[in-house]
Amino acid sequence: MSVIGYVIGSANTQEATVLLEQKVRAGYYVILEYENEKVLGLVTLVTTGSPLLDDNLNDIELVQRVKKIGNNIPTYMKAKVKLLCKFDGDRLAQPDLPPVAGTPVRLATDDELRKIFSDGTIRIGKLIGRDIEVKLRVNSLTRHLAILAATGAGKSNTVAVLASRISEQNGSVLIFDYHGEYYESEIKNLNNIEPKINPLYLTPAEFATLLQIRESAIIQYRILRRAFKSFIDEIKEKINEGNINYEELNKNFAKNLIDKVNKVSVNEKRKDSKEEVLNKIEDFLDRYGEIIDFTTGDVVDKIKLGKVNVVNLSSLDEDAIDAVVSHYLRRILTARKDNKVKGKGGLRFPVILVIEEAHVLLSKDENTLTKYWAGRIAREGRKFGVGLVIVSQRPKGIDENILSQMTNKIVLKIIEPSDKKYILEASDNLSEDIVEGLSSLDVGEAVVVGNIVRIPAIVKIDKFEGKLAGSDPNLIEEWKKAKEEMEEYSDVLDWG
């Protein structure tokens, strides 16, 4: 590779300024050789200017006179280069010394880059501007991952590519599909799961969330907890005796639960609290009766190995989604613990969980059941083979404690300064210069950092080969089709 420029000015072991003689763009990898060392750098910023028309110029007439000379105004290009590591065999160590002024800089060769970026398990894309595969280390996903981007920057495409390729390695992924993007997609190895919940596996807190009874409503919560526990204990006893009719149980669920509420609240002085619980049970049945099903099995048994498992949440509101997702998280973590501790039973294989719209379910401003269990998985999941992937277009809305535990990050185009600042503050492995470059990324381009790569990678994510339900609609085509259908319908009705 030929020299593209030379180090100028002062430098340190973290960064150098390069005067360029060839055009490059941010995201290119370069090599600096000095002091018998070979150091890999990343171009984070490219600027251009002219020695005749510098930043201190305030005379517009001078600019006009210079322009009259012709178009041969002397210009220069400079690049900020982040020094990533020195090549020391297979080990990538930090540079010991800064490069001196005049150090030549060249583009890294394909072989040099492949040694660093192509030794993972699954391909996610290519380095920007180079035909070099970037492969992720899947084992490091148990240290969790955040996929962050502005709307339309390529989050769903990234999730689809990642999930598909994990399943091709016989891995198991479970996507909580907030908007129904993946449920009817063309993802291979798809296993669709209806968001059904068997009350036998619910905790009283989860059921209270479905009924929109907060723990702060102390009397209502106490009445419901007692009634629900008594109701479930009675059903389990009938199941053990073999004396159960599930069809009748589903049909009479509300009636039987209401009877229990009336019994456990006999001595309650606040009759209005009991009435409020009864009203909320009836309201719940009107809104969510279809997700309660005593015939459905444990959610753990629905998750398949070698599949992209998708739970379609698009028909539910936020409270129901919170209850469903938190229930799955709790059951999966508990089942993996049981399997690890007992050596059998529970959930027999690791699973990667993907939570879409993380700023809603893992909000920094609200306490949700999902946030509680996601926090537990963020802290404990690695030991039990449960990886957490959170996806959001509003990073600053995510609970900082959870975001900071996402050791790995795939960050696509981010424009909002407050989002960039929040990501930087929550990340140990993202530097300010890399974060500042996020707004210059194109759609589908991303910065990948963490244990899933050896060093930060600037990647063009592969395009998912197939359709996602969340793809942008073709408005012109849909309007045209609707017009043709309306005209055809009008002709049919025209008897004259």
Protein backbone atom coordinates (compact mmCIF):
# COMPACT_ATOMS: atom_id res chain seq x y z
CA MET A 1 0.00 0.00 0.00
CA SER A 2 1.33 3.44 -0.94
CA VAL A 3 1.78 6.30 1.51
CA ILE A 4 -1.34 8.49 1.88
CA GLY A 5 0.15 11.15 4.14
CA TYR A 6 2.48 12.10 6.97
CA VAL A 7 2.14 12.87 10.66
CA ILE A 8 2.40 16.59 11.41
CA GLY A 9 2.49 18.62 14.60
CA SER A 10 2.44 17.04 18.01
CA ALA A 11 1.02 13.58 18.67
CA ASN A 12 0.45 11.26 21.62
CA THR A 13 -0.14 7.53 22.05
CA GLN A 14 -3.87 8.07 21.48
CA GLU A 15 -4.08 10.38 18.47
CA ALA A 16 -2.11 11.95 15.63
CA THR A 17 -2.80 14.52 12.91
CA VAL A 18 -1.97 13.50 9.35
CA LEU A 19 -1.45 15.79 6.34
CA LEU A 20 -2.93 13.81 3.44
CA GLU A 21 -1.75 13.49 -0.12
CA GLN A 22 -4.58 11.12 -1.07
CA LYS A 23 -8.31 11.33 -0.34
CA VAL A 24 -9.62 9.07 2.41
CA ARG A 25 -12.80 9.09 4.47
CA ALA A 26 -13.56 8.62 8.13
CA GLY A 27 -13.68 4.92 8.97
CA TYR A 28 -10.56 3.90 7.00
CA TYR A 29 -7.82 1.93 8.78
CA VAL A 30 -4.19 3.02 8.40
CA ILE A 31 -0.74 1.83 9.45
CA LEU A 32 1.99 3.95 11.03
CA GLU A 33 5.46 2.40 11.30
CA TYR A 34 7.94 4.01 13.69
CA GLU A 35 10.37 3.04 16.48
CA ASN A 36 10.44 -0.52 15.05
CA GLU A 37 6.70 -0.85 15.71
CA LYS A 38 3.70 -1.17 13.43
CA VAL A 39 0.65 0.67 14.78
CA LEU A 40 -2.93 0.39 13.51
CA GLY A 41 -4.93 3.61 13.39
CA LEU A 42 -8.49 4.63 12.53
CA VAL A 43 -9.34 7.78 10.59
CA THR A 44 -12.01 9.49 12.70
CA LEU A 45 -12.22 12.91 11.02
CA VAL A 46 -11.19 14.40 7.68
CA THR A 47 -10.97 18.17 7.15
CA THR A 48 -9.91 20.38 4.26
CA GLY A 49 -8.71 23.95 4.07
CA SER A 50 -6.42 26.45 2.32
CA PRO A 51 -3.30 28.22 3.61
CA LEU A 52 -4.47 31.34 1.75
CA LEU A 53 -7.98 31.29 3.19
CA ASP A 54 -7.60 30.09 6.76
CA ASP A 55 -10.04 30.24 9.68
CA ASN A 56 -8.73 33.61 10.85
CA LEU A 57 -9.53 35.41 7.60
CA ASN A 58 -12.09 38.22 7.97
CA ASP A 59 -11.60 40.13 4.68
CA ILE A 60 -14.26 39.14 2.12
CA GLU A 61 -12.61 41.30 -0.54
CA LEU A 62 -9.41 39.30 -0.19
CA VAL A 63 -11.39 36.10 -0.80
CA GLN A 64 -12.92 37.67 -3.92
CA ARG A 65 -9.49 38.73 -5.23
CA VAL A 66 -8.05 35.26 -4.63
CA LYS A 67 -11.00 33.67 -6.44
CA LYS A 68 -10.35 35.91 -9.48
CA ILE A 69 -6.89 34.38 -9.80
CA GLY A 70 -8.50 31.14 -10.85
CA ASN A 71 -9.49 27.77 -9.43
CA ASN A 72 -5.93 26.77 -8.52
CA ILE A 73 -6.15 27.93 -4.94
CA PRO A 74 -3.78 25.79 -2.85
CA THR A 75 -5.68 23.46 -0.52
CA TYR A 76 -4.85 20.73 1.94
CA MET A 77 -6.61 17.77 3.60
CA LYS A 78 -5.94 16.65 7.13
CA ALA A 79 -7.09 13.62 9.07
CA LYS A 80 -7.43 12.86 12.76
CA VAL A 81 -6.15 9.33 13.34
CA LYS A 82 -7.01 7.40 16.51
CA LEU A 83 -4.14 5.04 17.38
CA LEU A 84 -5.80 1.72 18.22
CA CYS A 85 -3.06 -0.81 18.84
CA LYS A 86 0.34 -2.09 17.81
CA PHE A 87 0.80 -5.46 16.16
CA ASP A 88 2.67 -7.69 18.61
CA GLY A 89 2.18 -11.19 17.24
CA ASP A 90 -1.41 -12.25 17.96
CA ARG A 91 -1.61 -9.79 20.82
CA LEU A 92 -2.95 -6.29 20.21
CA ALA A 93 -1.29 -3.93 22.67
CA GLN A 94 -1.50 -0.18 23.17
CA PRO A 95 1.32 1.85 21.54
CA ASP A 96 4.17 2.66 23.92
CA LEU A 97 5.38 5.77 22.09
CA PRO A 98 3.71 8.46 19.98
CA PRO A 99 4.65 8.84 16.30
CA VAL A 100 7.02 11.69 15.49
CA ALA A 101 6.30 14.36 12.89
CA GLY A 102 7.04 13.12 9.40
CA THR A 103 6.03 9.50 10.14
CA PRO A 104 4.56 8.07 6.89
CA VAL A 105 1.00 6.76 6.98
CA ARG A 106 -0.42 4.12 4.63
CA LEU A 107 -3.67 2.22 4.29
CA ALA A 108 -3.70 -1.11 6.11
CA THR A 109 -3.44 -4.15 3.82
CA ASP A 110 -6.20 -6.73 3.43
CA ASP A 111 -4.13 -9.39 5.21
CA GLU A 112 -3.44 -7.09 8.16
CA LEU A 113 -7.13 -6.29 8.54
CA ARG A 114 -8.34 -9.87 8.14
CA LYS A 115 -6.16 -11.00 11.03
CA ILE A 116 -8.03 -8.58 13.26
CA PHE A 117 -11.59 -8.46 11.98
CA SER A 118 -12.26 -11.84 10.34
CA ASP A 119 -11.51 -14.27 13.16
CA GLY A 120 -14.99 -14.26 14.74
CA THR A 121 -17.90 -16.72 14.48
CA ILE A 122 -20.56 -15.00 12.36
CA ARG A 123 -20.32 -12.36 9.68
CA ILE A 124 -22.12 -9.06 10.29
CA GLY A 125 -20.81 -7.09 7.30
CA LYS A 126 -17.69 -5.56 5.75
CA LEU A 127 -15.30 -2.82 6.76
CA ILE A 128 -16.31 0.49 5.19
CA GLY A 129 -14.55 0.93 1.85
CA ARG A 130 -12.85 -2.48 1.98
CA ASP A 131 -13.77 -6.01 0.96
CA ILE A 132 -12.91 -7.34 4.43
CA GLU A 133 -15.40 -9.48 6.36
CA VAL A 134 -16.18 -8.43 9.91
CA LYS A 135 -17.08 -11.42 12.05
CA LEU A 136 -18.50 -11.18 15.56
CA ARG A 137 -17.52 -13.39 18.47
CA VAL A 138 -20.87 -14.88 19.41
CA ASN A 139 -19.67 -16.20 22.78
CA SER A 140 -19.25 -12.60 23.91
CA LEU A 141 -22.97 -11.89 23.46
CA THR A 142 -23.52 -13.16 27.00
CA ARG A 143 -21.84 -9.89 27.99
CA HIS A 144 -24.85 -8.28 26.28
CA LEU A 145 -25.28 -5.90 23.35
CA ALA A 146 -26.95 -2.56 22.61
CA ILE A 147 -28.03 -1.76 19.04
CA LEU A 148 -28.59 2.00 18.87
CA ALA A 149 -29.49 4.25 15.96
CA ALA A 150 -31.66 7.06 14.71
CA THR A 151 -34.95 6.07 13.07
CA GLY A 152 -34.37 4.60 9.62
CA ALA A 153 -30.63 4.05 10.12
CA GLY A 154 -30.85 0.25 9.96
CA LYS A 155 -31.63 -1.20 13.40
CA SER A 156 -34.18 -3.75 12.20
CA ASN A 157 -31.91 -4.86 9.36
CA THR A 158 -29.07 -5.34 11.86
CA VAL A 159 -31.28 -7.41 14.20
CA ALA A 160 -32.51 -9.57 11.29
CA VAL A 161 -28.96 -10.24 10.03
CA LEU A 162 -27.63 -10.97 13.51
CA ALA A 163 -30.52 -13.24 14.53
CA SER A 164 -30.53 -15.16 11.23
CA ARG A 165 -26.82 -15.90 11.41
CA ILE A 166 -26.95 -16.97 15.04
CA SER A 167 -29.71 -19.44 14.13
CA GLU A 168 -27.54 -20.76 11.27
CA GLN A 169 -24.98 -21.68 13.95
CA ASN A 170 -27.73 -23.69 15.73
CA GLY A 171 -28.13 -20.87 18.22
CA SER A 172 -31.40 -19.72 19.76
CA VAL A 173 -32.65 -16.13 19.59
CA LEU A 174 -35.86 -14.78 21.08
CA ILE A 175 -37.09 -11.43 19.70
CA PHE A 176 -39.78 -9.49 21.53
CA ASP A 177 -41.36 -8.01 18.41
CA TYR A 178 -42.85 -4.69 19.52
CA HIS A 179 -44.18 -3.60 16.11
CA GLY A 180 -44.65 -6.95 14.33
CA GLU A 181 -41.64 -6.36 12.05
CA TYR A 182 -40.20 -9.86 12.28
CA TYR A 183 -43.32 -11.96 12.91
CA GLU A 184 -44.35 -12.02 9.24
CA SER A 185 -40.87 -11.52 7.79
CA GLU A 186 -38.85 -13.74 5.49
CA ILE A 187 -36.32 -14.67 8.17
CA LYS A 188 -35.24 -18.28 7.78
CA ASN A 189 -35.64 -20.64 10.74
CA LEU A 190 -38.51 -18.53 12.04
CA ASN A 191 -40.54 -19.82 15.00
CA ASN A 192 -43.52 -17.58 15.71
CA ILE A 193 -44.87 -17.54 19.26
CA GLU A 194 -48.24 -16.09 20.19
CA PRO A 195 -48.09 -13.89 23.32
CA LYS A 196 -50.20 -16.28 25.37
CA ILE A 197 -49.72 -16.54 29.11
CA ASN A 198 -50.73 -19.40 31.36
CA PRO A 199 -51.73 -17.90 34.75
CA LEU A 200 -50.26 -20.99 36.42
CA TYR A 201 -46.81 -19.58 35.65
CA LEU A 202 -47.59 -15.95 36.53
CA THR A 203 -46.53 -14.17 39.69
CA PRO A 204 -49.11 -11.98 41.48
CA ALA A 205 -47.04 -8.90 40.52
CA GLU A 206 -47.18 -9.81 36.82
CA PHE A 207 -50.91 -10.34 36.96
CA ALA A 208 -51.37 -7.07 38.86
CA THR A 209 -49.53 -5.28 36.04
CA LEU A 210 -51.93 -6.76 33.52
CA LEU A 211 -54.79 -5.41 35.63
CA GLN A 212 -53.04 -2.01 35.94
CA ILE A 213 -52.93 -2.32 39.71
CA ARG A 214 -49.77 -0.68 41.01
CA GLU A 215 -48.04 -1.82 44.19
CA SER A 216 -48.58 1.70 45.50
CA ALA A 217 -52.33 0.88 45.58
CA ILE A 218 -51.64 -1.13 48.72
CA ILE A 219 -55.14 -2.39 49.55
CA GLN A 220 -56.06 -3.26 45.94
CA TYR A 221 -52.76 -5.06 45.49
CA ARG A 222 -53.21 -7.01 48.74
CA ILE A 223 -56.72 -8.13 47.78
CA LEU A 224 -55.64 -9.25 44.33
CA ARG A 225 -52.51 -11.01 45.58
CA ARG A 226 -54.49 -13.07 48.11
CA ALA A 227 -57.27 -13.88 45.65
CA PHE A 228 -54.89 -14.81 42.83
CA LYS A 229 -52.72 -17.01 45.06
CA SER A 230 -55.74 -18.82 46.48
CA PHE A 231 -57.18 -19.28 42.98
CA ILE A 232 -53.93 -20.71 41.52
CA ASP A 233 -53.32 -23.00 44.52
CA GLU A 234 -56.82 -24.43 44.11
CA ILE A 235 -56.29 -25.09 40.38
CA LYS A 236 -52.93 -26.79 40.98
CA GLU A 237 -54.55 -29.05 43.54
CA LYS A 238 -57.23 -30.07 41.02
CA ILE A 239 -54.54 -30.71 38.40
CA ASN A 240 -52.69 -33.01 40.80
CA GLU A 241 -55.94 -34.88 41.41
CA GLY A 242 -56.57 -35.16 37.67
CA ASN A 243 -59.87 -33.35 38.15
CA ILE A 244 -59.63 -30.38 35.77
CA ASN A 245 -61.48 -29.16 32.69
CA TYR A 246 -59.30 -26.59 30.95
CA GLU A 247 -62.02 -25.44 28.59
CA GLU A 248 -64.31 -24.61 31.49
CA LEU A 249 -61.37 -23.07 33.36
CA ASN A 250 -60.67 -20.63 30.52
CA LYS A 251 -64.35 -19.86 30.12
CA ASN A 252 -64.98 -19.17 33.81
CA PHE A 253 -61.63 -17.58 34.65
CA ALA A 254 -63.05 -14.14 35.48
CA LYS A 255 -66.04 -15.49 37.39
CA ASN A 256 -63.90 -17.78 39.56
CA LEU A 257 -61.36 -15.07 40.26
CA ILE A 258 -64.11 -12.59 41.17
CA ASP A 259 -65.51 -15.14 43.64
CA LYS A 260 -62.07 -15.38 45.26
CA VAL A 261 -61.82 -11.59 45.49
CA ASN A 262 -65.18 -11.45 47.26
CA LYS A 263 -64.07 -14.12 49.73
CA VAL A 264 -60.66 -12.70 50.64
CA SER A 265 -62.02 -9.14 51.02
CA VAL A 266 -64.88 -9.91 53.40
CA ASN A 267 -63.14 -8.20 56.30
CA GLU A 268 -61.76 -5.26 54.31
CA LYS A 269 -63.10 -1.96 55.57
CA ARG A 270 -62.42 -0.16 52.27
CA LYS A 271 -65.19 -1.61 50.11
CA ASP A 272 -64.29 0.77 47.30
CA SER A 273 -60.90 -0.98 46.97
CA LYS A 274 -62.60 -4.34 46.41
CA GLU A 275 -64.96 -2.82 43.85
CA GLU A 276 -62.01 -1.27 42.03
CA VAL A 277 -60.28 -4.66 41.83
CA LEU A 278 -63.46 -6.25 40.47
CA ASN A 279 -63.81 -3.50 37.86
CA LYS A 280 -60.22 -3.98 36.77
CA ILE A 281 -60.70 -7.75 36.40
CA GLU A 282 -63.67 -7.14 34.12
CA ASP A 283 -61.79 -4.46 32.16
CA PHE A 284 -58.84 -6.83 31.79
CA LEU A 285 -61.03 -9.55 30.31
CA ASP A 286 -62.42 -7.09 27.78
CA ARG A 287 -58.93 -5.99 26.68
CA TYR A 288 -56.63 -8.96 27.20
CA GLY A 289 -58.78 -12.00 27.66
CA GLU A 290 -57.25 -13.52 24.53
CA ILE A 291 -53.71 -13.70 25.97
CA ILE A 292 -54.74 -15.74 29.04
CA ASP A 293 -54.88 -19.44 28.28
CA PHE A 294 -54.62 -22.28 30.81
CA THR A 295 -54.01 -24.76 27.99
CA THR A 296 -50.82 -23.10 26.78
CA GLY A 297 -47.60 -24.54 28.08
CA ASP A 298 -44.72 -22.91 29.88
CA VAL A 299 -43.14 -20.21 27.70
CA VAL A 300 -39.76 -21.93 28.10
CA ASP A 301 -41.06 -24.95 26.18
CA LYS A 302 -41.96 -22.77 23.19
CA ILE A 303 -38.41 -21.58 22.56
CA LYS A 304 -36.71 -23.72 19.90
CA LEU A 305 -33.03 -24.39 19.34
CA GLY A 306 -31.60 -23.26 15.99
CA LYS A 307 -34.53 -20.87 15.49
CA VAL A 308 -35.28 -17.18 15.44
CA ASN A 309 -38.12 -17.26 17.96
CA VAL A 310 -40.43 -14.24 17.68
CA VAL A 311 -43.13 -13.12 20.12
CA ASN A 312 -45.57 -10.80 18.34
CA LEU A 313 -46.48 -7.97 20.72
CA SER A 314 -47.94 -5.57 18.15
CA SER A 315 -51.58 -6.05 19.24
CA LEU A 316 -50.91 -5.28 22.93
CA ASP A 317 -50.61 -2.03 24.84
CA GLU A 318 -47.57 -1.08 26.92
CA ASP A 319 -48.82 -2.57 30.20
CA ALA A 320 -49.64 -5.91 28.61
CA ILE A 321 -46.30 -5.90 26.77
CA ASP A 322 -44.52 -5.22 30.07
CA ALA A 323 -46.27 -8.16 31.72
CA VAL A 324 -45.61 -10.54 28.80
CA VAL A 325 -41.95 -9.62 28.32
CA SER A 326 -41.11 -9.62 32.02
CA HIS A 327 -42.80 -13.01 32.38
CA TYR A 328 -40.63 -14.47 29.61
CA LEU A 329 -37.47 -12.92 31.07
CA ARG A 330 -38.20 -14.29 34.53
CA ARG A 331 -39.06 -17.77 33.31
CA ILE A 332 -36.02 -17.99 31.00
CA LEU A 333 -33.53 -16.84 33.64
CA THR A 334 -35.07 -19.15 36.24
CA ALA A 335 -35.10 -22.10 33.82
CA ARG A 336 -31.45 -21.57 32.84
CA LYS A 337 -30.49 -21.37 36.52
CA ASP A 338 -32.35 -24.62 37.22
CA ASN A 339 -30.54 -26.33 34.35
CA LYS A 340 -27.11 -25.13 35.43
CA VAL A 341 -27.60 -25.89 39.12
CA LYS A 342 -29.39 -29.22 38.75
CA GLY A 343 -27.72 -30.31 35.52
CA LYS A 344 -31.03 -31.26 33.95
CA GLY A 345 -34.48 -29.89 33.23
CA GLY A 346 -35.17 -26.18 32.88
CA LEU A 347 -33.97 -24.61 29.63
CA ARG A 348 -31.27 -26.88 28.21
CA PHE A 349 -29.56 -24.40 25.88
CA PRO A 350 -28.35 -20.77 25.96
CA VAL A 351 -30.57 -18.09 24.44
CA ILE A 352 -30.09 -14.54 23.19
CA LEU A 353 -32.98 -12.22 24.09
CA VAL A 354 -33.73 -9.16 21.93
CA ILE A 355 -35.82 -6.34 23.44
CA GLU A 356 -37.06 -3.83 20.87
CA GLU A 357 -38.06 -0.28 21.89
CA ALA A 358 -35.81 -0.50 24.94
CA HIS A 359 -36.46 3.15 25.82
CA VAL A 360 -40.10 2.20 26.53
CA LEU A 361 -39.65 -1.05 28.45
CA LEU A 362 -36.34 -0.10 30.11
CA SER A 363 -37.08 3.58 30.66
CA LYS A 364 -34.81 5.53 32.98
CA ASP A 365 -37.86 7.43 34.25
CA GLU A 366 -40.28 4.58 35.02
CA ASN A 367 -40.04 1.34 36.95
CA THR A 368 -41.38 -1.62 35.00
CA LEU A 369 -41.30 -5.35 35.62
CA THR A 370 -39.35 -5.73 32.39
CA LYS A 371 -36.69 -3.30 33.63
CA TYR A 372 -36.33 -5.27 36.85
CA TRP A 373 -35.84 -8.61 35.11
CA ALA A 374 -33.69 -7.16 32.33
CA GLY A 375 -31.48 -5.71 35.05
CA ARG A 376 -31.23 -9.13 36.67
CA ILE A 377 -30.23 -10.70 33.35
CA ALA A 378 -27.72 -7.90 32.68
CA ARG A 379 -26.06 -8.73 36.02
CA GLU A 380 -26.48 -12.52 36.17
CA GLY A 381 -27.22 -13.74 32.65
CA ARG A 382 -23.60 -14.34 31.57
CA LYS A 383 -23.16 -17.11 34.16
CA PHE A 384 -26.21 -18.96 32.88
CA GLY A 385 -25.91 -18.46 29.13
CA VAL A 386 -28.57 -15.76 28.76
CA GLY A 387 -27.52 -12.84 26.55
CA LEU A 388 -29.47 -9.60 26.36
CA VAL A 389 -29.71 -7.39 23.26
CA ILE A 390 -31.47 -4.05 23.67
CA VAL A 391 -32.53 -2.03 20.61
CA SER A 392 -33.52 1.63 20.59
CA GLN A 393 -33.63 4.85 18.57
CA ARG A 394 -33.70 6.91 21.78
CA PRO A 395 -30.58 5.97 23.78
CA LYS A 396 -31.00 8.80 26.29
CA GLY A 397 -34.35 7.31 27.33
CA ILE A 398 -32.81 3.98 28.44
CA ASP A 399 -31.99 3.27 32.08
CA GLU A 400 -28.29 4.13 32.40
CA ASN A 401 -27.54 1.19 34.72
CA ILE A 402 -28.76 -1.29 32.10
CA LEU A 403 -27.17 0.52 29.14
CA SER A 404 -23.81 0.66 30.93
CA GLN A 405 -23.89 -3.13 31.36
CA MET A 406 -24.19 -3.66 27.61
CA THR A 407 -20.46 -4.34 27.16
CA ASN A 408 -20.91 -4.61 23.39
CA LYS A 409 -22.47 -1.96 21.18
CA ILE A 410 -23.45 -1.65 17.54
CA VAL A 411 -24.12 2.04 17.02
CA LEU A 412 -25.47 3.18 13.66
CA LYS A 413 -26.11 6.76 12.56
CA ILE A 414 -26.89 9.02 15.52
CA ILE A 415 -27.56 12.73 14.97
CA GLU A 416 -29.00 14.01 18.25
CA PRO A 417 -26.13 15.47 20.36
CA SER A 418 -27.76 14.49 23.67
CA ASP A 419 -28.05 10.88 22.49
CA LYS A 420 -24.37 10.84 21.51
CA LYS A 421 -23.38 12.30 24.87
CA TYR A 422 -25.50 9.74 26.74
CA ILE A 423 -23.97 6.84 24.78
CA LEU A 424 -20.47 8.14 25.49
CA GLU A 425 -21.13 8.50 29.22
CA ALA A 426 -22.53 4.95 29.40
CA SER A 427 -19.65 3.35 27.47
CA ASP A 428 -16.16 2.44 28.62
CA ASN A 429 -15.01 1.40 25.14
CA LEU A 430 -16.28 4.32 23.04
CA SER A 431 -14.12 7.43 22.71
CA GLU A 432 -15.35 10.95 22.06
CA ASP A 433 -13.81 11.14 18.59
CA ILE A 434 -15.59 7.95 17.47
CA VAL A 435 -18.91 9.07 18.95
CA GLU A 436 -18.63 12.45 17.24
CA GLY A 437 -18.33 10.64 13.89
CA LEU A 438 -21.66 8.83 14.32
CA SER A 439 -23.63 11.58 12.57
CA SER A 440 -21.52 11.17 9.41
CA LEU A 441 -22.35 7.49 8.98
CA ASP A 442 -24.59 6.44 6.08
CA VAL A 443 -27.64 4.20 6.48
CA GLY A 444 -26.50 0.69 7.39
CA GLU A 445 -23.06 1.78 8.57
CA ALA A 446 -22.14 1.23 12.20
CA VAL A 447 -19.44 1.44 14.83
CA VAL A 448 -19.02 -1.95 16.54
CA VAL A 449 -17.21 -2.06 19.89
CA GLY A 450 -16.81 -4.48 22.78
CA ASN A 451 -15.70 -8.06 23.22
CA ILE A 452 -17.56 -9.15 20.08
CA VAL A 453 -14.70 -7.55 18.08
CA ARG A 454 -10.99 -7.29 18.87
CA ILE A 455 -10.87 -3.53 18.28
CA PRO A 456 -13.51 -0.96 17.24
CA ALA A 457 -14.81 -1.76 13.74
CA ILE A 458 -16.48 0.66 11.32
CA VAL A 459 -18.76 -1.64 9.38
CA LYS A 460 -21.22 -1.63 6.52
CA ILE A 461 -23.83 -4.04 7.88
CA ASP A 462 -24.95 -6.69 5.38
CA LYS A 463 -28.37 -6.17 3.80
CA PHE A 464 -30.90 -8.69 5.06
CA GLU A 465 -31.92 -10.86 2.12
CA GLY A 466 -35.66 -10.87 2.56
CA LYS A 467 -38.56 -8.67 3.57
CA LEU A 468 -39.29 -7.28 7.00
CA ALA A 469 -42.80 -6.15 7.84
CA GLY A 470 -41.36 -2.89 9.15
CA SER A 471 -39.79 -1.89 5.84
CA ASP A 472 -40.71 1.58 4.56
CA PRO A 473 -43.86 1.40 2.42
CA ASN A 474 -43.74 2.33 -1.26
CA LEU A 475 -46.29 5.15 -1.07
CA ILE A 476 -46.53 5.72 -4.82
CA GLU A 477 -47.19 2.04 -5.50
CA GLU A 478 -49.75 1.74 -2.69
CA TRP A 479 -51.62 4.87 -3.83
CA LYS A 480 -51.63 3.57 -7.40
CA LYS A 481 -52.92 0.17 -6.33
CA ALA A 482 -55.64 1.72 -4.14
CA LYS A 483 -56.78 3.97 -6.99
CA GLU A 484 -57.00 1.03 -9.40
CA GLU A 485 -59.01 -0.99 -6.87
CA MET A 486 -61.39 1.90 -6.21
CA GLU A 487 -61.92 2.48 -9.93
CA GLU A 488 -62.55 -1.23 -10.48
CA TYR A 489 -65.02 -1.28 -7.59
CA SER A 490 -66.73 1.83 -8.99
CA ASP A 491 -67.08 0.18 -12.42
CA VAL A 492 -68.67 -2.91 -10.87
CA LEU A 493 -71.27 -0.77 -9.13
CA ASP A 494 -71.99 1.27 -12.26
CA TRP A 495 -75.18 -0.43 -13.52
CA GLY A 496 -76.05 2.35 -15.92
